[in-house]
Amino acid sequence: RMPFGVDPFRAPHNYIFANRSFIGRQICNYRAVGFKLSYS
């Protein structure tokens, strides 16, 4: 998953509701092939 959004990042076992929100399903539902850097 591309690093963007909060609800779109929830996996099925972490869903609060049975169906995802509109922003998580219709607006931003993107997996892609690439690379990313992360820093804490």
Full PDB file with SEQRES, HELIX, SHEET, SSBOND, CRYST1, ORIGX, SCALE, CONECT and MASTER records, all heavy atoms in Angstrom:
SEQRES   1 A   40  ARG MET PRO PHE GLY VAL ASP PRO PHE ARG ALA PRO HIS          
SEQRES   2 A   40  ASN TYR ILE PHE ALA ASN ARG SER PHE ILE GLY ARG GLN          
SEQRES   3 A   40  ILE CYS ASN TYR ARG ALA VAL GLY PHE LYS LEU SER TYR          
SEQRES   4 A   40  SER                                                          
HELIX    1 AA1 ASP A    7  PHE A    9  5                                   3    
HELIX    2 AA2 PRO A   12  ASN A   14  5                                   3    
HELIX    3 AA3 PHE A   22  PHE A   22  1                                   1    
HELIX    4 AA4 ILE A   23  ILE A   27  3                                   5    
CRYST1    1.000    1.000    1.000  90.00  90.00  90.00 P 1           1          
ORIGX1      1.000000  0.000000  0.000000        0.00000                         
ORIGX2      0.000000  1.000000  0.000000        0.00000                         
ORIGX3      0.000000  0.000000  1.000000        0.00000                         
SCALE1      1.000000  0.000000  0.000000        0.00000                         
SCALE2      0.000000  1.000000  0.000000        0.00000                         
SCALE3      0.000000  0.000000  1.000000        0.00000                         
ATOM      1  N   ARG A   1       0.829  -1.196   0.000  1.00  0.00           N  
ATOM      2  CA  ARG A   1       0.000   0.000   0.000  1.00  0.00           C  
ATOM      3  C   ARG A   1       0.867   1.252   0.000  1.00  0.00           C  
ATOM      4  O   ARG A   1       1.852   1.338   0.721  1.00  0.00           O  
ATOM      5  CB  ARG A   1      -0.923   0.037   1.216  1.00  0.00           C  
ATOM      6  CG  ARG A   1      -2.148  -0.842   1.058  1.00  0.00           C  
ATOM      7  CD  ARG A   1      -3.266  -0.411   1.999  1.00  0.00           C  
ATOM      8  NE  ARG A   1      -4.468  -1.202   1.763  1.00  0.00           N  
ATOM      9  CZ  ARG A   1      -5.371  -0.932   0.848  1.00  0.00           C  
ATOM     10  NH1 ARG A   1      -5.204   0.116   0.052  1.00  0.00           N  
ATOM     11  NH2 ARG A   1      -6.439  -1.685   0.701  1.00  0.00           N  
ATOM     12  N   MET A   2       0.477   2.220  -0.814  1.00  0.00           N  
ATOM     13  CA  MET A   2       1.187   3.484  -0.834  1.00  0.00           C  
ATOM     14  C   MET A   2       0.980   4.191   0.514  1.00  0.00           C  
ATOM     15  O   MET A   2      -0.126   4.155   1.072  1.00  0.00           O  
ATOM     16  CB  MET A   2       0.692   4.355  -1.990  1.00  0.00           C  
ATOM     17  CG  MET A   2       0.917   3.715  -3.348  1.00  0.00           C  
ATOM     18  SD  MET A   2       0.156   4.622  -4.726  1.00  0.00           S  
ATOM     19  CE  MET A   2       1.152   6.112  -4.751  1.00  0.00           C  
ATOM     20  N   PRO A   3       2.025   4.825   1.061  1.00  0.00           N  
ATOM     21  CA  PRO A   3       1.919   5.445   2.387  1.00  0.00           C  
ATOM     22  C   PRO A   3       1.073   6.712   2.350  1.00  0.00           C  
ATOM     23  O   PRO A   3       1.579   7.823   2.139  1.00  0.00           O  
ATOM     24  CB  PRO A   3       3.378   5.747   2.745  1.00  0.00           C  
ATOM     25  CG  PRO A   3       4.064   5.910   1.427  1.00  0.00           C  
ATOM     26  CD  PRO A   3       3.379   4.946   0.499  1.00  0.00           C  
ATOM     27  N   PHE A   4      -0.222   6.555   2.588  1.00  0.00           N  
ATOM     28  CA  PHE A   4      -1.134   7.686   2.537  1.00  0.00           C  
ATOM     29  C   PHE A   4      -2.440   7.292   3.200  1.00  0.00           C  
ATOM     30  O   PHE A   4      -2.988   6.215   2.925  1.00  0.00           O  
ATOM     31  CB  PHE A   4      -1.384   8.090   1.076  1.00  0.00           C  
ATOM     32  CG  PHE A   4      -2.314   9.254   0.916  1.00  0.00           C  
ATOM     33  CD1 PHE A   4      -1.865  10.548   1.097  1.00  0.00           C  
ATOM     34  CD2 PHE A   4      -3.641   9.059   0.579  1.00  0.00           C  
ATOM     35  CE1 PHE A   4      -2.719  11.637   0.947  1.00  0.00           C  
ATOM     36  CE2 PHE A   4      -4.509  10.129   0.425  1.00  0.00           C  
ATOM     37  CZ  PHE A   4      -4.045  11.422   0.614  1.00  0.00           C  
ATOM     38  N   GLY A   5      -2.955   8.146   4.078  1.00  0.00           N  
ATOM     39  CA  GLY A   5      -4.226   7.897   4.726  1.00  0.00           C  
ATOM     40  C   GLY A   5      -4.103   7.023   5.963  1.00  0.00           C  
ATOM     41  O   GLY A   5      -3.077   6.378   6.214  1.00  0.00           O  
ATOM     42  N   VAL A   6      -5.171   6.992   6.743  1.00  0.00           N  
ATOM     43  CA  VAL A   6      -5.224   6.194   7.965  1.00  0.00           C  
ATOM     44  C   VAL A   6      -6.241   5.067   7.815  1.00  0.00           C  
ATOM     45  O   VAL A   6      -5.901   3.894   7.930  1.00  0.00           O  
ATOM     46  CB  VAL A   6      -5.561   7.073   9.190  1.00  0.00           C  
ATOM     47  CG1 VAL A   6      -5.760   6.214  10.437  1.00  0.00           C  
ATOM     48  CG2 VAL A   6      -4.452   8.099   9.427  1.00  0.00           C  
ATOM     49  N   ASP A   7      -7.500   5.404   7.563  1.00  0.00           N  
ATOM     50  CA  ASP A   7      -8.496   4.348   7.396  1.00  0.00           C  
ATOM     51  C   ASP A   7      -8.190   3.441   6.205  1.00  0.00           C  
ATOM     52  O   ASP A   7      -8.413   2.227   6.282  1.00  0.00           O  
ATOM     53  CB  ASP A   7      -9.889   4.954   7.244  1.00  0.00           C  
ATOM     54  CG  ASP A   7     -10.992   3.946   7.531  1.00  0.00           C  
ATOM     55  OD1 ASP A   7     -11.075   3.477   8.688  1.00  0.00           O  
ATOM     56  OD2 ASP A   7     -11.747   3.606   6.608  1.00  0.00           O  
ATOM     57  N   PRO A   8      -7.647   3.972   5.082  1.00  0.00           N  
ATOM     58  CA  PRO A   8      -7.302   3.074   3.968  1.00  0.00           C  
ATOM     59  C   PRO A   8      -6.229   2.054   4.325  1.00  0.00           C  
ATOM     60  O   PRO A   8      -6.097   1.042   3.639  1.00  0.00           O  
ATOM     61  CB  PRO A   8      -6.781   4.052   2.888  1.00  0.00           C  
ATOM     62  CG  PRO A   8      -7.441   5.337   3.194  1.00  0.00           C  
ATOM     63  CD  PRO A   8      -7.510   5.392   4.693  1.00  0.00           C  
ATOM     64  N   PHE A   9      -5.458   2.314   5.387  1.00  0.00           N  
ATOM     65  CA  PHE A   9      -4.367   1.428   5.750  1.00  0.00           C  
ATOM     66  C   PHE A   9      -4.800   0.280   6.661  1.00  0.00           C  
ATOM     67  O   PHE A   9      -4.006  -0.623   6.944  1.00  0.00           O  
ATOM     68  CB  PHE A   9      -3.254   2.226   6.440  1.00  0.00           C  
ATOM     69  CG  PHE A   9      -1.961   2.223   5.669  1.00  0.00           C  
ATOM     70  CD1 PHE A   9      -1.796   3.039   4.561  1.00  0.00           C  
ATOM     71  CD2 PHE A   9      -0.917   1.392   6.040  1.00  0.00           C  
ATOM     72  CE1 PHE A   9      -0.622   3.040   3.845  1.00  0.00           C  
ATOM     73  CE2 PHE A   9       0.264   1.383   5.327  1.00  0.00           C  
ATOM     74  CZ  PHE A   9       0.424   2.203   4.227  1.00  0.00           C  
ATOM     75  N   ARG A  10      -6.032   0.300   7.141  1.00  0.00           N  
ATOM     76  CA  ARG A  10      -6.474  -0.757   8.045  1.00  0.00           C  
ATOM     77  C   ARG A  10      -6.653  -2.074   7.291  1.00  0.00           C  
ATOM     78  O   ARG A  10      -7.280  -2.122   6.238  1.00  0.00           O  
ATOM     79  CB  ARG A  10      -7.786  -0.366   8.725  1.00  0.00           C  
ATOM     80  CG  ARG A  10      -7.613   0.703   9.788  1.00  0.00           C  
ATOM     81  CD  ARG A  10      -8.861   0.858  10.643  1.00  0.00           C  
ATOM     82  NE  ARG A  10      -8.558   1.675  11.803  1.00  0.00           N  
ATOM     83  CZ  ARG A  10      -8.760   2.998  11.863  1.00  0.00           C  
ATOM     84  NH1 ARG A  10      -9.308   3.626  10.834  1.00  0.00           N  
ATOM     85  NH2 ARG A  10      -8.440   3.679  12.947  1.00  0.00           N  
ATOM     86  N   ALA A  11      -6.104  -3.139   7.861  1.00  0.00           N  
ATOM     87  CA  ALA A  11      -6.278  -4.476   7.301  1.00  0.00           C  
ATOM     88  C   ALA A  11      -7.635  -5.030   7.749  1.00  0.00           C  
ATOM     89  O   ALA A  11      -8.214  -4.550   8.732  1.00  0.00           O  
ATOM     90  CB  ALA A  11      -5.153  -5.383   7.765  1.00  0.00           C  
ATOM     91  N   PRO A  12      -8.168  -6.045   7.050  1.00  0.00           N  
ATOM     92  CA  PRO A  12      -9.493  -6.578   7.401  1.00  0.00           C  
ATOM     93  C   PRO A  12      -9.632  -6.993   8.866  1.00  0.00           C  
ATOM     94  O   PRO A  12     -10.722  -6.837   9.435  1.00  0.00           O  
ATOM     95  CB  PRO A  12      -9.634  -7.785   6.470  1.00  0.00           C  
ATOM     96  CG  PRO A  12      -8.832  -7.418   5.273  1.00  0.00           C  
ATOM     97  CD  PRO A  12      -7.651  -6.668   5.815  1.00  0.00           C  
ATOM     98  N   HIS A  13      -8.572  -7.501   9.482  1.00  0.00           N  
ATOM     99  CA  HIS A  13      -8.694  -7.908  10.880  1.00  0.00           C  
ATOM    100  C   HIS A  13      -8.696  -6.715  11.832  1.00  0.00           C  
ATOM    101  O   HIS A  13      -8.970  -6.875  13.024  1.00  0.00           O  
ATOM    102  CB  HIS A  13      -7.568  -8.886  11.258  1.00  0.00           C  
ATOM    103  CG  HIS A  13      -6.199  -8.304  11.197  1.00  0.00           C  
ATOM    104  ND1 HIS A  13      -5.496  -8.187  10.019  1.00  0.00           N  
ATOM    105  CD2 HIS A  13      -5.387  -7.810  12.166  1.00  0.00           C  
ATOM    106  CE1 HIS A  13      -4.309  -7.656  10.261  1.00  0.00           C  
ATOM    107  NE2 HIS A  13      -4.225  -7.407  11.553  1.00  0.00           N  
ATOM    108  N   ASN A  14      -8.410  -5.497  11.303  1.00  0.00           N  
ATOM    109  CA  ASN A  14      -8.431  -4.294  12.123  1.00  0.00           C  
ATOM    110  C   ASN A  14      -9.629  -3.387  11.824  1.00  0.00           C  
ATOM    111  O   ASN A  14      -9.706  -2.276  12.361  1.00  0.00           O  
ATOM    112  CB  ASN A  14      -7.140  -3.482  11.905  1.00  0.00           C  
ATOM    113  CG  ASN A  14      -5.934  -4.164  12.503  1.00  0.00           C  
ATOM    114  OD1 ASN A  14      -6.032  -4.807  13.533  1.00  0.00           O  
ATOM    115  ND2 ASN A  14      -4.791  -4.036  11.847  1.00  0.00           N  
ATOM    116  N   TYR A  15     -10.541  -3.835  10.984  1.00  0.00           N  
ATOM    117  CA  TYR A  15     -11.692  -3.002  10.652  1.00  0.00           C  
ATOM    118  C   TYR A  15     -12.542  -2.752  11.895  1.00  0.00           C  
ATOM    119  O   TYR A  15     -12.777  -3.656  12.705  1.00  0.00           O  
ATOM    120  CB  TYR A  15     -12.561  -3.664   9.588  1.00  0.00           C  
ATOM    121  CG  TYR A  15     -11.974  -3.678   8.192  1.00  0.00           C  
ATOM    122  CD1 TYR A  15     -12.604  -4.375   7.163  1.00  0.00           C  
ATOM    123  CD2 TYR A  15     -10.797  -3.004   7.888  1.00  0.00           C  
ATOM    124  CE1 TYR A  15     -12.085  -4.386   5.871  1.00  0.00           C  
ATOM    125  CE2 TYR A  15     -10.273  -3.014   6.612  1.00  0.00           C  
ATOM    126  CZ  TYR A  15     -10.913  -3.710   5.606  1.00  0.00           C  
ATOM    127  OH  TYR A  15     -10.392  -3.727   4.341  1.00  0.00           O  
ATOM    128  N   ILE A  16     -13.016  -1.536  12.007  1.00  0.00           N  
ATOM    129  CA  ILE A  16     -13.945  -1.182  13.079  1.00  0.00           C  
ATOM    130  C   ILE A  16     -15.371  -1.540  12.664  1.00  0.00           C  
ATOM    131  O   ILE A  16     -16.209  -1.916  13.486  1.00  0.00           O  
ATOM    132  CB  ILE A  16     -13.851   0.318  13.408  1.00  0.00           C  
ATOM    133  CG1 ILE A  16     -12.386   0.727  13.635  1.00  0.00           C  
ATOM    134  CG2 ILE A  16     -14.703   0.655  14.619  1.00  0.00           C  
ATOM    135  CD1 ILE A  16     -11.722   0.041  14.784  1.00  0.00           C  
ATOM    136  N   PHE A  17     -15.626  -1.411  11.365  1.00  0.00           N  
ATOM    137  CA  PHE A  17     -16.936  -1.721  10.787  1.00  0.00           C  
ATOM    138  C   PHE A  17     -16.768  -2.793   9.714  1.00  0.00           C  
ATOM    139  O   PHE A  17     -15.666  -3.005   9.207  1.00  0.00           O  
ATOM    140  CB  PHE A  17     -17.563  -0.460  10.188  1.00  0.00           C  
ATOM    141  CG  PHE A  17     -17.771   0.640  11.182  1.00  0.00           C  
ATOM    142  CD1 PHE A  17     -16.756   1.546  11.455  1.00  0.00           C  
ATOM    143  CD2 PHE A  17     -18.973   0.769  11.854  1.00  0.00           C  
ATOM    144  CE1 PHE A  17     -16.934   2.561  12.378  1.00  0.00           C  
ATOM    145  CE2 PHE A  17     -19.163   1.784  12.786  1.00  0.00           C  
ATOM    146  CZ  PHE A  17     -18.136   2.674  13.048  1.00  0.00           C  
ATOM    147  N   ALA A  18     -17.854  -3.424   9.348  1.00  0.00           N  
ATOM    148  CA  ALA A  18     -17.760  -4.500   8.357  1.00  0.00           C  
ATOM    149  C   ALA A  18     -17.302  -3.967   7.005  1.00  0.00           C  
ATOM    150  O   ALA A  18     -16.513  -4.614   6.306  1.00  0.00           O  
ATOM    151  CB  ALA A  18     -19.111  -5.206   8.226  1.00  0.00           C  
ATOM    152  N   ASN A  19     -17.784  -2.791   6.608  1.00  0.00           N  
ATOM    153  CA  ASN A  19     -17.399  -2.188   5.340  1.00  0.00           C  
ATOM    154  C   ASN A  19     -16.517  -0.968   5.582  1.00  0.00           C  
ATOM    155  O   ASN A  19     -16.771  -0.176   6.495  1.00  0.00           O  
ATOM    156  CB  ASN A  19     -18.641  -1.783   4.540  1.00  0.00           C  
ATOM    157  CG  ASN A  19     -19.369  -2.983   3.978  1.00  0.00           C  
ATOM    158  OD1 ASN A  19     -18.750  -3.924   3.492  1.00  0.00           O  
ATOM    159  ND2 ASN A  19     -20.698  -2.962   4.055  1.00  0.00           N  
ATOM    160  N   ARG A  20     -15.512  -0.816   4.727  1.00  0.00           N  
ATOM    161  CA  ARG A  20     -14.613   0.322   4.849  1.00  0.00           C  
ATOM    162  C   ARG A  20     -15.328   1.633   4.568  1.00  0.00           C  
ATOM    163  O   ARG A  20     -16.379   1.659   3.938  1.00  0.00           O  
ATOM    164  CB  ARG A  20     -13.443   0.168   3.867  1.00  0.00           C  
ATOM    165  CG  ARG A  20     -12.466  -0.917   4.232  1.00  0.00           C  
ATOM    166  CD  ARG A  20     -11.453  -1.115   3.122  1.00  0.00           C  
ATOM    167  NE  ARG A  20     -12.077  -1.695   1.936  1.00  0.00           N  
ATOM    168  CZ  ARG A  20     -11.448  -1.875   0.785  1.00  0.00           C  
ATOM    169  NH1 ARG A  20     -10.195  -1.505   0.656  1.00  0.00           N  
ATOM    170  NH2 ARG A  20     -12.081  -2.418  -0.240  1.00  0.00           N  
ATOM    171  N   SER A  21     -14.716   2.723   5.010  1.00  0.00           N  
ATOM    172  CA  SER A  21     -15.255   4.044   4.722  1.00  0.00           C  
ATOM    173  C   SER A  21     -15.127   4.337   3.237  1.00  0.00           C  
ATOM    174  O   SER A  21     -14.396   3.663   2.501  1.00  0.00           O  
ATOM    175  CB  SER A  21     -14.494   5.103   5.527  1.00  0.00           C  
ATOM    176  OG  SER A  21     -13.144   5.164   5.086  1.00  0.00           O  
ATOM    177  N   PHE A  22     -15.805   5.361   2.767  1.00  0.00           N  
ATOM    178  CA  PHE A  22     -15.714   5.760   1.362  1.00  0.00           C  
ATOM    179  C   PHE A  22     -14.290   6.179   0.995  1.00  0.00           C  
ATOM    180  O   PHE A  22     -13.821   5.890  -0.110  1.00  0.00           O  
ATOM    181  CB  PHE A  22     -16.680   6.904   1.068  1.00  0.00           C  
ATOM    182  CG  PHE A  22     -18.126   6.558   1.296  1.00  0.00           C  
ATOM    183  CD1 PHE A  22     -18.990   7.477   1.871  1.00  0.00           C  
ATOM    184  CD2 PHE A  22     -18.631   5.317   0.938  1.00  0.00           C  
ATOM    185  CE1 PHE A  22     -20.329   7.162   2.078  1.00  0.00           C  
ATOM    186  CE2 PHE A  22     -19.958   4.988   1.135  1.00  0.00           C  
ATOM    187  CZ  PHE A  22     -20.806   5.924   1.713  1.00  0.00           C  
ATOM    188  N   ILE A  23     -13.588   6.846   1.913  1.00  0.00           N  
ATOM    189  CA  ILE A  23     -12.225   7.264   1.590  1.00  0.00           C  
ATOM    190  C   ILE A  23     -11.286   6.065   1.520  1.00  0.00           C  
ATOM    191  O   ILE A  23     -10.274   6.102   0.834  1.00  0.00           O  
ATOM    192  CB  ILE A  23     -11.683   8.315   2.581  1.00  0.00           C  
ATOM    193  CG1 ILE A  23     -11.583   7.746   4.000  1.00  0.00           C  
ATOM    194  CG2 ILE A  23     -12.532   9.569   2.564  1.00  0.00           C  
ATOM    195  CD1 ILE A  23     -10.939   8.707   4.980  1.00  0.00           C  
ATOM    196  N   GLY A  24     -11.630   4.994   2.228  1.00  0.00           N  
ATOM    197  CA  GLY A  24     -10.775   3.815   2.218  1.00  0.00           C  
ATOM    198  C   GLY A  24     -11.064   2.853   1.086  1.00  0.00           C  
ATOM    199  O   GLY A  24     -10.196   2.067   0.709  1.00  0.00           O  
ATOM    200  N   ARG A  25     -12.260   2.928   0.525  1.00  0.00           N  
ATOM    201  CA  ARG A  25     -12.626   1.993  -0.540  1.00  0.00           C  
ATOM    202  C   ARG A  25     -12.723   2.665  -1.907  1.00  0.00           C  
ATOM    203  O   ARG A  25     -12.138   2.204  -2.885  1.00  0.00           O  
ATOM    204  CB  ARG A  25     -13.947   1.307  -0.213  1.00  0.00           C  
ATOM    205  CG  ARG A  25     -14.334   0.262  -1.249  1.00  0.00           C  
ATOM    206  CD  ARG A  25     -15.539  -0.534  -0.822  1.00  0.00           C  
ATOM    207  NE  ARG A  25     -15.847  -1.590  -1.782  1.00  0.00           N  
ATOM    208  CZ  ARG A  25     -16.844  -2.460  -1.655  1.00  0.00           C  
ATOM    209  NH1 ARG A  25     -17.627  -2.402  -0.591  1.00  0.00           N  
ATOM    210  NH2 ARG A  25     -17.055  -3.387  -2.553  1.00  0.00           N  
ATOM    211  N   GLN A  26     -13.466   3.776  -1.983  1.00  0.00           N  
ATOM    212  CA  GLN A  26     -13.681   4.404  -3.280  1.00  0.00           C  
ATOM    213  C   GLN A  26     -12.590   5.416  -3.640  1.00  0.00           C  
ATOM    214  O   GLN A  26     -12.088   5.424  -4.760  1.00  0.00           O  
ATOM    215  CB  GLN A  26     -15.050   5.107  -3.307  1.00  0.00           C  
ATOM    216  CG  GLN A  26     -16.210   4.195  -3.632  1.00  0.00           C  
ATOM    217  CD  GLN A  26     -16.728   3.430  -2.436  1.00  0.00           C  
ATOM    218  OE1 GLN A  26     -16.343   3.695  -1.305  1.00  0.00           O  
ATOM    219  NE2 GLN A  26     -17.622   2.469  -2.676  1.00  0.00           N  
ATOM    220  N   ILE A  27     -12.215   6.295  -2.704  1.00  0.00           N  
ATOM    221  CA  ILE A  27     -11.307   7.388  -3.034  1.00  0.00           C  
ATOM    222  C   ILE A  27      -9.851   6.944  -3.046  1.00  0.00           C  
ATOM    223  O   ILE A  27      -9.092   7.271  -3.962  1.00  0.00           O  
ATOM    224  CB  ILE A  27     -11.501   8.570  -2.057  1.00  0.00           C  
ATOM    225  CG1 ILE A  27     -12.950   9.055  -2.097  1.00  0.00           C  
ATOM    226  CG2 ILE A  27     -10.550   9.718  -2.407  1.00  0.00           C  
ATOM    227  CD1 ILE A  27     -13.248  10.188  -1.126  1.00  0.00           C  
ATOM    228  N   CYS A  28      -9.439   6.207  -2.039  1.00  0.00           N  
ATOM    229  CA  CYS A  28      -8.013   5.870  -1.923  1.00  0.00           C  
ATOM    230  C   CYS A  28      -7.831   4.399  -1.571  1.00  0.00           C  
ATOM    231  O   CYS A  28      -7.672   4.039  -0.402  1.00  0.00           O  
ATOM    232  CB  CYS A  28      -7.340   6.747  -0.868  1.00  0.00           C  
ATOM    233  SG  CYS A  28      -5.577   6.421  -0.652  1.00  0.00           S  
ATOM    234  N   ASN A  29      -7.833   3.564  -2.582  1.00  0.00           N  
ATOM    235  CA  ASN A  29      -7.633   2.127  -2.386  1.00  0.00           C  
ATOM    236  C   ASN A  29      -6.504   1.682  -3.313  1.00  0.00           C  
ATOM    237  O   ASN A  29      -6.730   1.048  -4.335  1.00  0.00           O  
ATOM    238  CB  ASN A  29      -8.929   1.371  -2.678  1.00  0.00           C  
ATOM    239  CG  ASN A  29      -8.811  -0.101  -2.376  1.00  0.00           C  
ATOM    240  OD1 ASN A  29      -7.917  -0.540  -1.659  1.00  0.00           O  
ATOM    241  ND2 ASN A  29      -9.700  -0.892  -2.946  1.00  0.00           N  
ATOM    242  N   TYR A  30      -5.270   2.056  -2.952  1.00  0.00           N  
ATOM    243  CA  TYR A  30      -4.145   1.875  -3.860  1.00  0.00           C  
ATOM    244  C   TYR A  30      -3.033   1.031  -3.265  1.00  0.00           C  
ATOM    245  O   TYR A  30      -2.432   1.388  -2.245  1.00  0.00           O  
ATOM    246  CB  TYR A  30      -3.553   3.231  -4.267  1.00  0.00           C  
ATOM    247  CG  TYR A  30      -4.502   4.096  -5.055  1.00  0.00           C  
ATOM    248  CD1 TYR A  30      -5.059   5.238  -4.483  1.00  0.00           C  
ATOM    249  CD2 TYR A  30      -4.856   3.775  -6.364  1.00  0.00           C  
ATOM    250  CE1 TYR A  30      -5.938   6.035  -5.200  1.00  0.00           C  
ATOM    251  CE2 TYR A  30      -5.734   4.561  -7.081  1.00  0.00           C  
ATOM    252  CZ  TYR A  30      -6.274   5.687  -6.497  1.00  0.00           C  
ATOM    253  OH  TYR A  30      -7.152   6.473  -7.207  1.00  0.00           O  
ATOM    254  N   ARG A  31      -2.794  -0.092  -3.917  1.00  0.00           N  
ATOM    255  CA  ARG A  31      -1.534  -0.805  -3.759  1.00  0.00           C  
ATOM    256  C   ARG A  31      -0.719  -0.552  -5.021  1.00  0.00           C  
ATOM    257  O   ARG A  31      -1.277  -0.397  -6.100  1.00  0.00           O  
ATOM    258  CB  ARG A  31      -1.747  -2.311  -3.583  1.00  0.00           C  
ATOM    259  CG  ARG A  31      -2.086  -2.732  -2.170  1.00  0.00           C  
ATOM    260  CD  ARG A  31      -2.216  -4.243  -2.076  1.00  0.00           C  
ATOM    261  NE  ARG A  31      -2.284  -4.678  -0.698  1.00  0.00           N  
ATOM    262  CZ  ARG A  31      -3.399  -4.717   0.025  1.00  0.00           C  
ATOM    263  NH1 ARG A  31      -4.546  -4.353  -0.523  1.00  0.00           N  
ATOM    264  NH2 ARG A  31      -3.379  -5.120   1.285  1.00  0.00           N  
ATOM    265  N   ALA A  32       0.595  -0.525  -4.899  1.00  0.00           N  
ATOM    266  CA  ALA A  32       1.430  -0.242  -6.062  1.00  0.00           C  
ATOM    267  C   ALA A  32       2.776  -0.931  -5.893  1.00  0.00           C  
ATOM    268  O   ALA A  32       3.125  -1.406  -4.808  1.00  0.00           O  
ATOM    269  CB  ALA A  32       1.616   1.265  -6.241  1.00  0.00           C  
ATOM    270  N   VAL A  33       3.532  -0.976  -6.995  1.00  0.00           N  
ATOM    271  CA  VAL A  33       4.867  -1.567  -6.993  1.00  0.00           C  
ATOM    272  C   VAL A  33       5.885  -0.431  -7.003  1.00  0.00           C  
ATOM    273  O   VAL A  33       5.822   0.450  -7.865  1.00  0.00           O  
ATOM    274  CB  VAL A  33       5.073  -2.474  -8.215  1.00  0.00           C  
ATOM    275  CG1 VAL A  33       6.455  -3.125  -8.175  1.00  0.00           C  
ATOM    276  CG2 VAL A  33       3.999  -3.546  -8.260  1.00  0.00           C  
ATOM    277  N   GLY A  34       6.808  -0.449  -6.047  1.00  0.00           N  
ATOM    278  CA  GLY A  34       7.800   0.614  -5.971  1.00  0.00           C  
ATOM    279  C   GLY A  34       8.669   0.460  -4.747  1.00  0.00           C  
ATOM    280  O   GLY A  34       8.914  -0.653  -4.272  1.00  0.00           O  
ATOM    281  N   PHE A  35       9.141   1.599  -4.215  1.00  0.00           N  
ATOM    282  CA  PHE A  35       9.942   1.554  -2.991  1.00  0.00           C  
ATOM    283  C   PHE A  35       9.646   2.790  -2.159  1.00  0.00           C  
ATOM    284  O   PHE A  35       9.152   3.808  -2.650  1.00  0.00           O  
ATOM    285  CB  PHE A  35      11.429   1.468  -3.324  1.00  0.00           C  
ATOM    286  CG  PHE A  35      12.105   2.802  -3.461  1.00  0.00           C  
ATOM    287  CD1 PHE A  35      12.848   3.329  -2.411  1.00  0.00           C  
ATOM    288  CD2 PHE A  35      11.999   3.540  -4.629  1.00  0.00           C  
ATOM    289  CE1 PHE A  35      13.463   4.553  -2.521  1.00  0.00           C  
ATOM    290  CE2 PHE A  35      12.618   4.771  -4.760  1.00  0.00           C  
ATOM    291  CZ  PHE A  35      13.368   5.281  -3.698  1.00  0.00           C  
ATOM    292  N   LYS A  36       9.926   2.687  -0.861  1.00  0.00           N  
ATOM    293  CA  LYS A  36       9.735   3.832   0.019  1.00  0.00           C  
ATOM    294  C   LYS A  36      10.819   3.856   1.091  1.00  0.00           C  
ATOM    295  O   LYS A  36      11.405   2.831   1.442  1.00  0.00           O  
ATOM    296  CB  LYS A  36       8.360   3.819   0.675  1.00  0.00           C  
ATOM    297  CG  LYS A  36       8.204   2.794   1.801  1.00  0.00           C  
ATOM    298  CD  LYS A  36       6.872   2.971   2.539  1.00  0.00           C  
ATOM    299  CE  LYS A  36       6.748   1.986   3.698  1.00  0.00           C  
ATOM    300  NZ  LYS A  36       5.497   2.191   4.467  1.00  0.00           N  
ATOM    301  N   LEU A  37      11.065   5.043   1.598  1.00  0.00           N  
ATOM    302  CA  LEU A  37      11.938   5.266   2.740  1.00  0.00           C  
ATOM    303  C   LEU A  37      11.082   5.691   3.925  1.00  0.00           C  
ATOM    304  O   LEU A  37      10.117   6.448   3.765  1.00  0.00           O  
ATOM    305  CB  LEU A  37      12.964   6.359   2.441  1.00  0.00           C  
ATOM    306  CG  LEU A  37      14.137   6.007   1.532  1.00  0.00           C  
ATOM    307  CD1 LEU A  37      14.931   7.263   1.192  1.00  0.00           C  
ATOM    308  CD2 LEU A  37      15.049   4.984   2.205  1.00  0.00           C  
ATOM    309  N   SER A  38      11.412   5.211   5.099  1.00  0.00           N  
ATOM    310  CA  SER A  38      10.719   5.630   6.315  1.00  0.00           C  
ATOM    311  C   SER A  38      11.747   5.923   7.396  1.00  0.00           C  
ATOM    312  O   SER A  38      12.802   5.276   7.457  1.00  0.00           O  
ATOM    313  CB  SER A  38       9.736   4.558   6.790  1.00  0.00           C  
ATOM    314  OG  SER A  38      10.408   3.363   7.119  1.00  0.00           O  
ATOM    315  N   TYR A  39      11.434   6.903   8.224  1.00  0.00           N  
ATOM    316  CA  TYR A  39      12.367   7.284   9.293  1.00  0.00           C  
ATOM    317  C   TYR A  39      11.579   7.656  10.538  1.00  0.00           C  
ATOM    318  O   TYR A  39      10.673   8.499  10.493  1.00  0.00           O  
ATOM    319  CB  TYR A  39      13.234   8.463   8.855  1.00  0.00           C  
ATOM    320  CG  TYR A  39      14.268   8.865   9.894  1.00  0.00           C  
ATOM    321  CD1 TYR A  39      15.223   7.955  10.349  1.00  0.00           C  
ATOM    322  CD2 TYR A  39      14.280  10.159  10.426  1.00  0.00           C  
ATOM    323  CE1 TYR A  39      16.159   8.311  11.293  1.00  0.00           C  
ATOM    324  CE2 TYR A  39      15.224  10.527  11.373  1.00  0.00           C  
ATOM    325  CZ  TYR A  39      16.162   9.598  11.801  1.00  0.00           C  
ATOM    326  OH  TYR A  39      17.096   9.943  12.750  1.00  0.00           O  
ATOM    327  N   SER A  40      11.904   7.010  11.639  1.00  0.00           N  
ATOM    328  CA  SER A  40      11.320   7.323  12.937  1.00  0.00           C  
ATOM    329  C   SER A  40      12.346   8.118  13.736  1.00  0.00           C  
ATOM    330  O   SER A  40      13.441   7.613  14.023  1.00  0.00           O  
ATOM    331  CB  SER A  40      10.940   6.038  13.689  1.00  0.00           C  
ATOM    332  OG  SER A  40       9.952   5.312  12.978  1.00  0.00           O  
TER     333      SER A  40                                                      
MASTER        0    0    0    4    0    0    0    6  332    1    0    4          
END                                                                             
